[in-house]
């Protein structure tokens, strides 16, 4: 079976530009490599913090969203965050 000429071929396709972009090394210098990343290059750890940071940031993001909820007709009270 032959590959149609309009389809690009790669030696390696990396899904996710977080730690996955650390895979290619000097021995792959001649390879055709594609990195597929739908968000910011660098992945979660670089752009949002790794697991311990995410455990702190997620509740803060929820509170931040709640602060702006009134603009959407959602009213609430926030008494405490632990």
C-alpha atoms as a PDB file:
ATOM      1  CA  UNK A   1       0.000   0.000   0.000  1.00  0.00           C
ATOM      2  CA  UNK A   2       1.396   3.404  -0.888  1.00  0.00           C
ATOM      3  CA  UNK A   3       0.929   6.630   1.081  1.00  0.00           C
ATOM      4  CA  UNK A   4      -0.838   9.412  -0.866  1.00  0.00           C
ATOM      5  CA  UNK A   5       1.535  12.252  -1.752  1.00  0.00           C
ATOM      6  CA  UNK A   6      -0.554  14.910   0.009  1.00  0.00           C
ATOM      7  CA  UNK A   7      -0.192  13.216   3.435  1.00  0.00           C
ATOM      8  CA  UNK A   8       2.861  14.232   5.439  1.00  0.00           C
ATOM      9  CA  UNK A   9       4.791  11.481   7.149  1.00  0.00           C
ATOM     10  CA  UNK A  10       6.825  11.693  10.349  1.00  0.00           C
ATOM     11  CA  UNK A  11       9.238   9.449  12.176  1.00  0.00           C
ATOM     12  CA  UNK A  12       7.777  10.506  15.528  1.00  0.00           C
ATOM     13  CA  UNK A  13       4.601  12.330  16.566  1.00  0.00           C
ATOM     14  CA  UNK A  14       4.520  13.651  20.131  1.00  0.00           C
ATOM     15  CA  UNK A  15       1.093  14.349  21.621  1.00  0.00           C
ATOM     16  CA  UNK A  16       1.355  17.145  24.173  1.00  0.00           C
ATOM     17  CA  UNK A  17       4.037  19.805  24.390  1.00  0.00           C
ATOM     18  CA  UNK A  18       4.674  19.437  28.099  1.00  0.00           C
ATOM     19  CA  UNK A  19       7.348  16.966  29.127  1.00  0.00           C
ATOM     20  CA  UNK A  20       6.829  15.250  25.771  1.00  0.00           C
ATOM     21  CA  UNK A  21       8.940  17.885  24.078  1.00  0.00           C
ATOM     22  CA  UNK A  22      11.908  16.557  26.073  1.00  0.00           C
ATOM     23  CA  UNK A  23      11.828  13.229  24.176  1.00  0.00           C
ATOM     24  CA  UNK A  24      13.785  14.268  21.056  1.00  0.00           C
ATOM     25  CA  UNK A  25      17.524  13.999  21.526  1.00  0.00           C
ATOM     26  CA  UNK A  26      20.620  14.429  19.393  1.00  0.00           C
ATOM     27  CA  UNK A  27      20.258  10.878  18.052  1.00  0.00           C
ATOM     28  CA  UNK A  28      16.966  11.956  16.413  1.00  0.00           C
ATOM     29  CA  UNK A  29      18.495  14.949  14.669  1.00  0.00           C
ATOM     30  CA  UNK A  30      17.616  13.656  11.202  1.00  0.00           C
ATOM     31  CA  UNK A  31      14.072  12.559  12.120  1.00  0.00           C
ATOM     32  CA  UNK A  32      10.917  14.364  11.003  1.00  0.00           C
ATOM     33  CA  UNK A  33       9.152  15.096  14.282  1.00  0.00           C
ATOM     34  CA  UNK A  34       5.734  16.686  14.854  1.00  0.00           C
ATOM     35  CA  UNK A  35       4.454  17.952  18.193  1.00  0.00           C
ATOM     36  CA  UNK A  36       0.661  18.201  18.550  1.00  0.00           C
ATOM     37  CA  UNK A  37      -0.501  20.617  21.256  1.00  0.00           C
ATOM     38  CA  UNK A  38      -3.944  22.288  21.329  1.00  0.00           C
ATOM     39  CA  UNK A  39      -2.970  24.767  24.059  1.00  0.00           C
ATOM     40  CA  UNK A  40       0.123  26.737  25.034  1.00  0.00           C
ATOM     41  CA  UNK A  41       3.449  25.130  24.255  1.00  0.00           C
ATOM     42  CA  UNK A  42       5.015  23.948  27.503  1.00  0.00           C
ATOM     43  CA  UNK A  43       2.048  22.029  28.838  1.00  0.00           C
ATOM     44  CA  UNK A  44       0.383  22.161  32.218  1.00  0.00           C
ATOM     45  CA  UNK A  45       3.482  22.176  34.403  1.00  0.00           C
ATOM     46  CA  UNK A  46       5.116  25.139  32.706  1.00  0.00           C
ATOM     47  CA  UNK A  47       1.983  27.227  32.209  1.00  0.00           C
ATOM     48  CA  UNK A  48      -0.217  26.291  35.187  1.00  0.00           C
ATOM     49  CA  UNK A  49       2.057  24.532  37.662  1.00  0.00           C
ATOM     50  CA  UNK A  50       2.483  20.866  38.439  1.00  0.00           C
ATOM     51  CA  UNK A  51       0.283  18.784  40.718  1.00  0.00           C
ATOM     52  CA  UNK A  52       0.986  20.531  44.073  1.00  0.00           C
ATOM     53  CA  UNK A  53       0.480  23.963  42.523  1.00  0.00           C
ATOM     54  CA  UNK A  54      -2.679  22.866  40.733  1.00  0.00           C
ATOM     55  CA  UNK A  55      -4.152  21.747  44.055  1.00  0.00           C
ATOM     56  CA  UNK A  56      -3.795  25.344  45.250  1.00  0.00           C
ATOM     57  CA  UNK A  57      -4.634  27.133  42.024  1.00  0.00           C
ATOM     58  CA  UNK A  58      -7.844  25.309  41.125  1.00  0.00           C
ATOM     59  CA  UNK A  59      -9.809  26.485  44.214  1.00  0.00           C
ATOM     60  CA  UNK A  60      -8.516  30.007  43.624  1.00  0.00           C
ATOM     61  CA  UNK A  61      -9.742  29.869  40.025  1.00  0.00           C
ATOM     62  CA  UNK A  62     -13.165  28.676  41.200  1.00  0.00           C
ATOM     63  CA  UNK A  63     -13.396  31.634  43.584  1.00  0.00           C
ATOM     64  CA  UNK A  64     -12.287  33.996  40.811  1.00  0.00           C
ATOM     65  CA  UNK A  65     -15.008  32.638  38.516  1.00  0.00           C
ATOM     66  CA  UNK A  66     -17.556  33.012  41.312  1.00  0.00           C
ATOM     67  CA  UNK A  67     -16.610  36.684  41.696  1.00  0.00           C
ATOM     68  CA  UNK A  68     -17.628  37.293  38.099  1.00  0.00           C
ATOM     69  CA  UNK A  69     -20.737  35.087  38.190  1.00  0.00           C
ATOM     70  CA  UNK A  70     -23.087  37.996  38.903  1.00  0.00           C
ATOM     71  CA  UNK A  71     -22.456  39.225  35.358  1.00  0.00           C
ATOM     72  CA  UNK A  72     -24.203  36.040  34.248  1.00  0.00           C
ATOM     73  CA  UNK A  73     -27.058  36.339  36.725  1.00  0.00           C
ATOM     74  CA  UNK A  74     -25.556  33.883  39.222  1.00  0.00           C
ATOM     75  CA  UNK A  75     -25.598  35.269  42.767  1.00  0.00           C
ATOM     76  CA  UNK A  76     -23.922  33.605  45.726  1.00  0.00           C
ATOM     77  CA  UNK A  77     -22.168  34.139  49.007  1.00  0.00           C
ATOM     78  CA  UNK A  78     -18.696  32.854  49.725  1.00  0.00           C
ATOM     79  CA  UNK A  79     -18.131  32.491  53.434  1.00  0.00           C
ATOM     80  CA  UNK A  80     -14.856  30.642  53.639  1.00  0.00           C
ATOM     81  CA  UNK A  81     -12.172  28.805  51.659  1.00  0.00           C
ATOM     82  CA  UNK A  82      -9.948  26.268  53.427  1.00  0.00           C
END
